[in-house]
N, C-alpha and C. Protein backbone atom coordinates (compact mmCIF):
# COMPACT_ATOMS: atom_id res chain seq x y z
N MET A 1 5.40 17.35 7.19
CA MET A 1 5.53 16.10 6.49
C MET A 1 4.15 15.69 5.98
N ARG A 2 4.09 15.31 4.71
CA ARG A 2 2.85 14.86 4.08
C ARG A 2 2.79 13.33 4.11
N VAL A 3 1.79 12.79 4.81
CA VAL A 3 1.61 11.35 4.91
C VAL A 3 0.39 10.97 4.07
N LEU A 4 0.60 10.09 3.12
CA LEU A 4 -0.48 9.62 2.26
C LEU A 4 -0.94 8.26 2.74
N VAL A 5 -2.24 8.12 2.98
CA VAL A 5 -2.83 6.86 3.43
C VAL A 5 -3.62 6.27 2.27
N VAL A 6 -3.21 5.07 1.84
CA VAL A 6 -3.89 4.37 0.75
C VAL A 6 -4.51 3.11 1.34
N ASP A 7 -5.78 3.22 1.67
CA ASP A 7 -6.50 2.10 2.26
C ASP A 7 -7.97 2.27 1.89
N ASP A 8 -8.62 1.20 1.50
CA ASP A 8 -10.01 1.30 1.08
C ASP A 8 -10.99 1.24 2.25
N SER A 9 -10.50 1.04 3.44
CA SER A 9 -11.36 1.01 4.63
C SER A 9 -11.47 2.40 5.24
N SER A 10 -12.68 2.94 5.26
CA SER A 10 -12.86 4.26 5.86
C SER A 10 -12.57 4.22 7.36
N ILE A 11 -12.77 3.08 7.99
CA ILE A 11 -12.47 2.94 9.42
C ILE A 11 -10.97 3.07 9.66
N ILE A 12 -10.18 2.38 8.85
CA ILE A 12 -8.72 2.44 9.00
C ILE A 12 -8.22 3.85 8.67
N ARG A 13 -8.72 4.43 7.57
CA ARG A 13 -8.30 5.80 7.23
C ARG A 13 -8.63 6.76 8.37
N GLY A 14 -9.82 6.60 8.95
CA GLY A 14 -10.21 7.47 10.06
C GLY A 14 -9.33 7.28 11.28
N ARG A 15 -9.02 6.04 11.57
CA ARG A 15 -8.14 5.74 12.72
C ARG A 15 -6.76 6.33 12.52
N LEU A 16 -6.24 6.18 11.28
CA LEU A 16 -4.92 6.76 10.98
C LEU A 16 -4.96 8.28 11.02
N LEU A 17 -6.01 8.87 10.48
CA LEU A 17 -6.13 10.32 10.50
C LEU A 17 -6.14 10.83 11.93
N SER A 18 -6.89 10.16 12.78
CA SER A 18 -6.95 10.55 14.19
C SER A 18 -5.58 10.43 14.85
N MET A 19 -4.90 9.32 14.61
CA MET A 19 -3.59 9.11 15.23
C MET A 19 -2.56 10.11 14.70
N LEU A 20 -2.51 10.26 13.39
CA LEU A 20 -1.45 11.07 12.78
C LEU A 20 -1.68 12.57 12.95
N SER A 21 -2.93 12.98 13.11
CA SER A 21 -3.20 14.41 13.28
C SER A 21 -2.68 14.93 14.62
N ALA A 22 -2.35 14.03 15.52
CA ALA A 22 -1.78 14.43 16.81
C ALA A 22 -0.32 14.87 16.69
N PHE A 23 0.32 14.57 15.56
CA PHE A 23 1.71 14.92 15.35
C PHE A 23 1.82 16.33 14.79
N ASP A 24 2.68 17.15 15.40
CA ASP A 24 2.94 18.48 14.86
C ASP A 24 3.62 18.36 13.50
N GLY A 25 3.15 19.15 12.55
CA GLY A 25 3.79 19.18 11.25
C GLY A 25 3.43 18.05 10.32
N VAL A 26 2.48 17.21 10.71
CA VAL A 26 2.06 16.10 9.85
C VAL A 26 0.73 16.46 9.19
N ASN A 27 0.72 16.40 7.87
CA ASN A 27 -0.49 16.63 7.09
C ASN A 27 -0.88 15.30 6.46
N VAL A 28 -2.06 14.79 6.78
CA VAL A 28 -2.49 13.48 6.30
C VAL A 28 -3.35 13.65 5.06
N MET A 29 -2.97 12.94 4.01
CA MET A 29 -3.75 12.89 2.78
C MET A 29 -4.29 11.47 2.69
N GLY A 30 -5.55 11.30 2.36
CA GLY A 30 -6.11 9.97 2.26
C GLY A 30 -6.82 9.75 0.95
N ILE A 31 -6.57 8.61 0.33
CA ILE A 31 -7.32 8.21 -0.85
C ILE A 31 -7.75 6.76 -0.66
N THR A 32 -8.70 6.34 -1.44
CA THR A 32 -9.29 5.03 -1.23
C THR A 32 -8.43 3.90 -1.74
N GLY A 33 -7.56 4.16 -2.68
CA GLY A 33 -6.77 3.10 -3.28
C GLY A 33 -7.31 2.70 -4.63
N ASP A 34 -8.48 3.22 -4.99
CA ASP A 34 -9.06 2.91 -6.29
C ASP A 34 -8.48 3.78 -7.40
N GLU A 35 -7.82 4.86 -7.02
CA GLU A 35 -7.24 5.75 -8.01
C GLU A 35 -6.02 5.11 -8.67
N ASP A 36 -5.63 5.66 -9.79
CA ASP A 36 -4.45 5.19 -10.50
C ASP A 36 -3.22 5.42 -9.64
N TRP A 37 -2.28 4.49 -9.67
CA TRP A 37 -1.09 4.57 -8.82
C TRP A 37 -0.27 5.82 -9.09
N ARG A 38 -0.32 6.38 -10.29
CA ARG A 38 0.47 7.58 -10.62
C ARG A 38 0.04 8.79 -9.81
N ILE A 39 -1.21 8.79 -9.37
CA ILE A 39 -1.69 9.90 -8.55
C ILE A 39 -0.87 9.99 -7.27
N ILE A 40 -0.48 8.86 -6.74
CA ILE A 40 0.28 8.85 -5.49
C ILE A 40 1.56 9.64 -5.63
N GLY A 41 2.35 9.36 -6.67
CA GLY A 41 3.58 10.11 -6.89
C GLY A 41 3.32 11.57 -7.17
N GLY A 42 2.22 11.87 -7.86
CA GLY A 42 1.88 13.25 -8.18
C GLY A 42 1.52 14.08 -6.96
N LEU A 43 1.12 13.44 -5.89
CA LEU A 43 0.79 14.16 -4.66
C LEU A 43 2.03 14.53 -3.86
N SER A 44 3.16 13.99 -4.23
CA SER A 44 4.45 14.27 -3.57
C SER A 44 4.41 14.03 -2.07
N PRO A 45 4.01 12.84 -1.64
CA PRO A 45 4.03 12.58 -0.20
C PRO A 45 5.46 12.39 0.30
N ASP A 46 5.62 12.59 1.59
CA ASP A 46 6.91 12.33 2.25
C ASP A 46 6.94 10.93 2.84
N PHE A 47 5.75 10.35 3.01
CA PHE A 47 5.62 9.02 3.62
C PHE A 47 4.30 8.44 3.15
N VAL A 48 4.28 7.14 2.85
CA VAL A 48 3.05 6.48 2.38
C VAL A 48 2.73 5.30 3.30
N VAL A 49 1.47 5.22 3.70
CA VAL A 49 0.95 4.06 4.41
C VAL A 49 0.03 3.36 3.42
N LEU A 50 0.34 2.11 3.10
CA LEU A 50 -0.32 1.40 2.01
C LEU A 50 -0.82 0.04 2.46
N ASP A 51 -2.05 -0.27 2.08
CA ASP A 51 -2.61 -1.60 2.35
C ASP A 51 -2.28 -2.52 1.18
N ILE A 52 -2.17 -3.81 1.45
CA ILE A 52 -1.87 -4.77 0.40
C ILE A 52 -3.10 -5.05 -0.47
N LYS A 53 -4.23 -5.29 0.16
CA LYS A 53 -5.44 -5.63 -0.57
C LYS A 53 -6.37 -4.43 -0.61
N LEU A 54 -6.65 -3.96 -1.82
CA LEU A 54 -7.57 -2.86 -2.03
C LEU A 54 -8.72 -3.37 -2.90
N LYS A 55 -9.82 -2.66 -2.94
CA LYS A 55 -10.99 -3.15 -3.67
C LYS A 55 -10.70 -3.35 -5.15
N LYS A 56 -10.08 -2.37 -5.79
CA LYS A 56 -9.86 -2.45 -7.23
C LYS A 56 -8.39 -2.55 -7.62
N ARG A 57 -7.51 -2.43 -6.68
CA ARG A 57 -6.08 -2.43 -6.98
C ARG A 57 -5.37 -3.39 -6.03
N ASN A 58 -4.16 -3.75 -6.41
CA ASN A 58 -3.31 -4.58 -5.57
C ASN A 58 -2.22 -3.68 -4.99
N GLY A 59 -2.15 -3.61 -3.69
CA GLY A 59 -1.16 -2.76 -3.03
C GLY A 59 0.27 -3.13 -3.36
N LEU A 60 0.52 -4.41 -3.62
CA LEU A 60 1.87 -4.83 -4.00
C LEU A 60 2.26 -4.22 -5.34
N ASP A 61 1.32 -4.17 -6.28
CA ASP A 61 1.61 -3.54 -7.57
C ASP A 61 1.87 -2.05 -7.41
N ILE A 62 1.07 -1.41 -6.57
CA ILE A 62 1.28 0.02 -6.31
C ILE A 62 2.65 0.24 -5.68
N LEU A 63 3.01 -0.58 -4.69
CA LEU A 63 4.31 -0.48 -4.03
C LEU A 63 5.44 -0.62 -5.04
N LYS A 64 5.36 -1.63 -5.88
CA LYS A 64 6.42 -1.90 -6.86
C LYS A 64 6.60 -0.71 -7.82
N LYS A 65 5.50 -0.20 -8.33
CA LYS A 65 5.56 0.93 -9.26
C LYS A 65 6.02 2.21 -8.56
N LEU A 66 5.50 2.44 -7.37
CA LEU A 66 5.88 3.64 -6.63
C LEU A 66 7.37 3.67 -6.33
N LYS A 67 7.92 2.54 -5.92
CA LYS A 67 9.34 2.48 -5.59
C LYS A 67 10.23 2.61 -6.82
N LYS A 68 9.72 2.24 -8.00
CA LYS A 68 10.49 2.46 -9.23
C LYS A 68 10.54 3.93 -9.57
N VAL A 69 9.41 4.62 -9.40
CA VAL A 69 9.31 6.03 -9.77
C VAL A 69 9.86 6.94 -8.67
N CYS A 70 9.58 6.62 -7.44
CA CYS A 70 9.95 7.47 -6.29
C CYS A 70 10.60 6.61 -5.21
N PRO A 71 11.80 6.11 -5.45
CA PRO A 71 12.41 5.16 -4.50
C PRO A 71 12.72 5.76 -3.13
N CYS A 72 12.80 7.07 -3.04
CA CYS A 72 13.18 7.67 -1.76
C CYS A 72 12.00 7.88 -0.82
N ILE A 73 10.78 7.69 -1.29
CA ILE A 73 9.62 7.86 -0.42
C ILE A 73 9.47 6.62 0.45
N PRO A 74 9.55 6.76 1.77
CA PRO A 74 9.37 5.60 2.64
C PRO A 74 7.92 5.11 2.57
N VAL A 75 7.77 3.79 2.52
CA VAL A 75 6.45 3.18 2.45
C VAL A 75 6.29 2.19 3.59
N ALA A 76 5.20 2.34 4.32
CA ALA A 76 4.84 1.39 5.37
C ALA A 76 3.63 0.61 4.90
N MET A 77 3.76 -0.69 4.86
CA MET A 77 2.62 -1.55 4.54
C MET A 77 1.88 -1.81 5.85
N LEU A 78 0.59 -1.51 5.86
CA LEU A 78 -0.26 -1.74 7.03
C LEU A 78 -1.40 -2.65 6.56
N THR A 79 -1.40 -3.89 7.03
CA THR A 79 -2.28 -4.88 6.43
C THR A 79 -2.73 -5.95 7.42
N ASN A 80 -3.78 -6.63 7.04
CA ASN A 80 -4.22 -7.81 7.77
C ASN A 80 -3.53 -9.07 7.27
N TYR A 81 -2.81 -8.96 6.17
CA TYR A 81 -2.13 -10.11 5.56
C TYR A 81 -0.70 -10.17 6.09
N TYR A 82 -0.58 -10.55 7.35
CA TYR A 82 0.70 -10.56 8.05
C TYR A 82 1.24 -11.98 8.07
N ASP A 83 1.87 -12.37 6.98
CA ASP A 83 2.51 -13.67 6.94
C ASP A 83 3.79 -13.57 6.12
N ASP A 84 4.60 -14.62 6.16
CA ASP A 84 5.92 -14.58 5.52
C ASP A 84 5.86 -14.27 4.03
N TYR A 85 4.86 -14.79 3.33
CA TYR A 85 4.75 -14.54 1.90
C TYR A 85 4.65 -13.05 1.62
N TYR A 86 3.70 -12.39 2.29
CA TYR A 86 3.50 -10.96 2.05
C TYR A 86 4.65 -10.12 2.59
N ILE A 87 5.19 -10.49 3.72
CA ILE A 87 6.34 -9.76 4.26
C ILE A 87 7.50 -9.82 3.27
N ASN A 88 7.78 -10.99 2.74
CA ASN A 88 8.88 -11.14 1.78
C ASN A 88 8.61 -10.41 0.48
N LYS A 89 7.38 -10.47 -0.03
CA LYS A 89 7.04 -9.75 -1.25
C LYS A 89 7.18 -8.24 -1.05
N CYS A 90 6.74 -7.75 0.09
CA CYS A 90 6.85 -6.31 0.36
C CYS A 90 8.31 -5.88 0.45
N ARG A 91 9.13 -6.67 1.08
CA ARG A 91 10.57 -6.38 1.13
C ARG A 91 11.17 -6.39 -0.26
N GLU A 92 10.80 -7.41 -1.05
CA GLU A 92 11.31 -7.53 -2.42
C GLU A 92 10.94 -6.30 -3.25
N PHE A 93 9.75 -5.77 -3.05
CA PHE A 93 9.28 -4.63 -3.84
C PHE A 93 9.66 -3.28 -3.22
N GLY A 94 10.36 -3.29 -2.10
CA GLY A 94 10.91 -2.05 -1.56
C GLY A 94 10.22 -1.43 -0.38
N ALA A 95 9.29 -2.13 0.26
CA ALA A 95 8.65 -1.57 1.45
C ALA A 95 9.68 -1.31 2.53
N ASP A 96 9.54 -0.20 3.19
CA ASP A 96 10.47 0.15 4.26
C ASP A 96 10.01 -0.39 5.61
N TYR A 97 8.69 -0.59 5.77
CA TYR A 97 8.12 -1.06 7.03
C TYR A 97 6.94 -1.98 6.71
N PHE A 98 6.63 -2.86 7.64
CA PHE A 98 5.51 -3.78 7.47
C PHE A 98 4.82 -3.92 8.82
N PHE A 99 3.52 -3.57 8.88
CA PHE A 99 2.80 -3.59 10.14
C PHE A 99 1.48 -4.35 10.01
N ASP A 100 1.10 -5.00 11.09
CA ASP A 100 -0.15 -5.72 11.19
C ASP A 100 -1.23 -4.74 11.67
N LYS A 101 -2.32 -4.61 10.91
CA LYS A 101 -3.40 -3.69 11.28
C LYS A 101 -3.99 -4.00 12.64
N SER A 102 -4.01 -5.25 13.02
CA SER A 102 -4.69 -5.63 14.25
C SER A 102 -3.92 -5.26 15.51
N CYS A 103 -2.59 -5.01 15.40
CA CYS A 103 -1.86 -4.77 16.64
C CYS A 103 -0.66 -3.82 16.53
N ASP A 104 -0.37 -3.28 15.36
CA ASP A 104 0.87 -2.51 15.21
C ASP A 104 0.68 -1.00 15.00
N PHE A 105 -0.49 -0.47 15.33
CA PHE A 105 -0.68 0.97 15.14
C PHE A 105 0.32 1.78 15.97
N ASP A 106 0.64 1.31 17.17
CA ASP A 106 1.61 2.03 18.01
C ASP A 106 3.00 2.01 17.39
N LEU A 107 3.36 0.90 16.74
CA LEU A 107 4.67 0.83 16.08
C LEU A 107 4.73 1.79 14.90
N LEU A 108 3.64 1.92 14.17
CA LEU A 108 3.58 2.89 13.08
C LEU A 108 3.74 4.31 13.63
N ALA A 109 3.10 4.59 14.75
CA ALA A 109 3.24 5.90 15.39
C ALA A 109 4.69 6.16 15.79
N ASP A 110 5.38 5.15 16.27
CA ASP A 110 6.79 5.30 16.62
C ASP A 110 7.64 5.65 15.40
N VAL A 111 7.35 5.01 14.27
CA VAL A 111 8.09 5.30 13.04
C VAL A 111 7.83 6.73 12.59
N ILE A 112 6.57 7.16 12.64
CA ILE A 112 6.24 8.54 12.25
C ILE A 112 6.97 9.52 13.17
N THR A 113 7.03 9.21 14.45
CA THR A 113 7.75 10.08 15.39
C THR A 113 9.21 10.22 14.98
N GLU A 114 9.85 9.10 14.66
CA GLU A 114 11.26 9.14 14.27
C GLU A 114 11.46 9.90 12.96
N ILE A 115 10.58 9.67 12.01
CA ILE A 115 10.73 10.34 10.71
C ILE A 115 10.50 11.85 10.85
N THR A 116 9.54 12.25 11.66
CA THR A 116 9.30 13.69 11.81
C THR A 116 10.48 14.36 12.50
N LYS A 117 11.21 13.64 13.33
CA LYS A 117 12.42 14.20 13.94
C LYS A 117 13.51 14.43 12.89
N GLN A 118 13.57 13.54 11.88
CA GLN A 118 14.59 13.62 10.84
C GLN A 118 14.19 14.55 9.70
N ASP A 119 12.90 14.75 9.48
CA ASP A 119 12.40 15.50 8.33
C ASP A 119 12.76 16.98 8.44
N ASN A 120 13.25 17.50 7.35
CA ASN A 120 13.61 18.91 7.29
C ASN A 120 12.66 19.69 6.40
N GLY A 121 11.40 19.27 6.35
CA GLY A 121 10.40 20.00 5.58
C GLY A 121 10.28 19.56 4.14
N GLY A 122 10.84 18.44 3.79
CA GLY A 122 10.73 18.00 2.41
C GLY A 122 11.01 16.51 2.33
N LEU A 123 11.13 16.02 1.14
CA LEU A 123 11.42 14.61 0.95
C LEU A 123 12.72 14.24 1.64
N LEU A 124 12.79 13.03 2.09
CA LEU A 124 13.93 12.59 2.87
C LEU A 124 15.10 12.14 2.04
N CYS A 125 15.05 12.29 0.73
CA CYS A 125 16.15 11.81 -0.11
C CYS A 125 16.88 12.98 -0.77
């Protein structure tokens, strides 16, 4: 399973890489979030971890466009902006999961565990 991490924090990307590399069959791809959103779909990830606030881009815009082009790719929002406004916007734009960076890394790991059990070596749709 190819997991794409879109976060402009090298600390968060490193933490996710460390956590996700422990999973058998998980290949982590990381980009800063400054790239054009179309690159994400072109990488053909099986799962995307996306931050809401990026240095040059808005994660909500990326989420909205990604879900229009590739609706079957599960997207987990991992952010410090954990409030009803952002949770509702992420749901509206098609996010499959929403996690707080400060305390939900274990929950994200649980989701990855479940998805890798279901994954048959390709996109889940």
